[in-house]
Amino acid sequence: MSESPLIEDRCRPLRGAEHRLDAPQIIALLKQLDGWEIVNERLHREFRFADYKSTLLFVNAVAWLAERENHHPDLEVGYSRVMVAYSTHDVGGLSRNDFICAAKIEALTSL
């Protein structure tokens, strides 16, 4: 899949249900991401790595990105895998910010 135009965007503060994406918007944005899916109303992807060091390097890169964008995922970390899940609590569902951050993580994994 080619690089998503979402990586050029920046997250912005969003508050309120008017920023929550509807199903057609979610489907359109999901098409721009490789390997991501909607699970329990959250944008979700599992990443696999060869070893623990690689796993932690990825987690630290995601944490840096989350701080820079001020939009933080839920992370579940194992020895050689990381589960990343996004939703925007302040809008009560998925927002464009979730997809922007997912695209930026995709860009990290293609380096």
Protein backbone atom coordinates (compact mmCIF):
# COMPACT_ATOMS: atom_id res chain seq x y z
CA MET A 1 0.00 0.00 0.00
CA SER A 2 1.29 3.48 -0.77
CA GLU A 3 1.88 6.04 1.94
CA SER A 4 -1.32 7.55 3.30
CA PRO A 5 -1.87 11.31 2.97
CA LEU A 6 -2.93 11.19 6.63
CA ILE A 7 0.73 11.26 7.74
CA GLU A 8 0.96 14.88 6.59
CA ASP A 9 -1.84 15.89 8.99
CA ARG A 10 -1.42 16.82 12.64
CA CYS A 11 -3.76 15.92 15.47
CA ARG A 12 -5.80 18.73 16.92
CA PRO A 13 -7.79 18.93 20.12
CA LEU A 14 -11.25 17.49 19.57
CA ARG A 15 -14.05 17.50 22.10
CA GLY A 16 -17.65 16.54 21.56
CA ALA A 17 -19.66 14.02 19.61
CA GLU A 18 -19.71 16.21 16.50
CA HIS A 19 -16.10 15.08 15.88
CA ARG A 20 -16.96 11.37 16.09
CA LEU A 21 -16.65 9.66 12.71
CA ASP A 22 -19.60 7.83 11.22
CA ALA A 23 -19.35 4.42 9.52
CA PRO A 24 -18.77 5.69 5.94
CA GLN A 25 -16.01 8.03 7.15
CA ILE A 26 -14.37 5.21 9.11
CA ILE A 27 -14.49 2.88 6.11
CA ALA A 28 -12.95 5.52 3.83
CA LEU A 29 -10.10 6.27 6.24
CA LEU A 30 -9.50 2.60 7.03
CA LYS A 31 -8.82 2.01 3.31
CA GLN A 32 -5.79 4.30 3.66
CA LEU A 33 -4.18 2.04 6.29
CA ASP A 34 -2.54 -1.33 5.88
CA GLY A 35 -3.35 -4.03 8.43
CA TRP A 36 -5.55 -1.95 10.72
CA GLU A 37 -9.07 -3.03 11.64
CA ILE A 38 -11.94 -1.96 13.84
CA VAL A 39 -12.19 -4.12 16.98
CA ASN A 40 -14.65 -3.25 19.74
CA GLU A 41 -15.17 0.21 18.24
CA ARG A 42 -11.43 0.97 18.34
CA LEU A 43 -8.83 1.24 15.58
CA HIS A 44 -6.58 -1.75 16.20
CA ARG A 45 -3.42 -3.39 14.87
CA GLU A 46 -0.94 -5.91 16.20
CA PHE A 47 2.74 -5.57 15.26
CA ARG A 48 5.23 -8.47 15.49
CA PHE A 49 8.98 -8.23 16.05
CA ALA A 50 11.97 -10.56 16.05
CA ASP A 51 12.98 -9.89 19.64
CA TYR A 52 12.29 -7.92 22.81
CA LYS A 53 14.75 -5.14 21.97
CA SER A 54 12.98 -4.44 18.67
CA THR A 55 9.63 -4.51 20.46
CA LEU A 56 10.74 -1.91 22.99
CA LEU A 57 12.31 0.32 20.34
CA PHE A 58 8.96 0.36 18.56
CA VAL A 59 7.07 1.11 21.80
CA ASN A 60 9.40 4.03 22.53
CA ALA A 61 8.93 5.40 19.00
CA VAL A 62 5.13 5.15 19.36
CA ALA A 63 5.33 6.89 22.75
CA TRP A 64 7.39 9.72 21.25
CA LEU A 65 4.87 10.08 18.42
CA ALA A 66 1.95 10.05 20.87
CA GLU A 67 3.52 12.84 22.91
CA ARG A 68 4.28 14.90 19.81
CA GLU A 69 0.70 14.56 18.53
CA ASN A 70 -0.83 14.72 22.04
CA HIS A 71 -2.93 11.69 21.12
CA HIS A 72 -2.19 8.50 23.00
CA PRO A 73 -3.03 4.89 22.11
CA ASP A 74 -3.65 1.96 24.37
CA LEU A 75 -0.65 -0.36 24.10
CA GLU A 76 -0.37 -4.00 25.05
CA VAL A 77 3.25 -5.16 25.00
CA GLY A 78 4.60 -8.71 24.90
CA TYR A 79 8.02 -10.17 24.18
CA SER A 80 7.77 -9.86 20.40
CA ARG A 81 4.46 -8.12 19.79
CA VAL A 82 2.68 -4.85 20.42
CA MET A 83 -1.05 -4.30 20.16
CA VAL A 84 -1.93 -0.68 19.38
CA ALA A 85 -5.52 0.54 19.80
CA TYR A 86 -6.93 4.02 19.27
CA SER A 87 -10.16 5.75 20.07
CA THR A 88 -10.81 9.33 21.09
CA HIS A 89 -12.37 9.42 24.52
CA ASP A 90 -13.32 13.10 24.23
CA VAL A 91 -15.56 12.39 21.23
CA GLY A 92 -16.91 9.05 22.42
CA GLY A 93 -15.57 7.01 19.51
CA LEU A 94 -13.21 7.24 16.58
CA SER A 95 -11.94 10.57 15.30
CA ARG A 96 -9.66 11.63 12.47
CA ASN A 97 -6.85 11.90 15.05
CA ASP A 98 -6.92 8.11 15.52
CA PHE A 99 -6.33 7.56 11.81
CA ILE A 100 -3.65 10.25 11.60
CA CYS A 101 -1.66 8.55 14.35
CA ALA A 102 -2.15 5.10 12.84
CA ALA A 103 -0.78 6.38 9.52
CA LYS A 104 2.24 7.87 11.28
CA ILE A 105 2.89 4.52 12.98
CA GLU A 106 2.64 2.85 9.57
CA ALA A 107 5.32 5.25 8.32
CA LEU A 108 7.54 4.27 11.28
CA THR A 109 7.29 0.60 10.40
CA SER A 110 8.32 1.20 6.80
CA LEU A 111 11.64 2.83 7.73
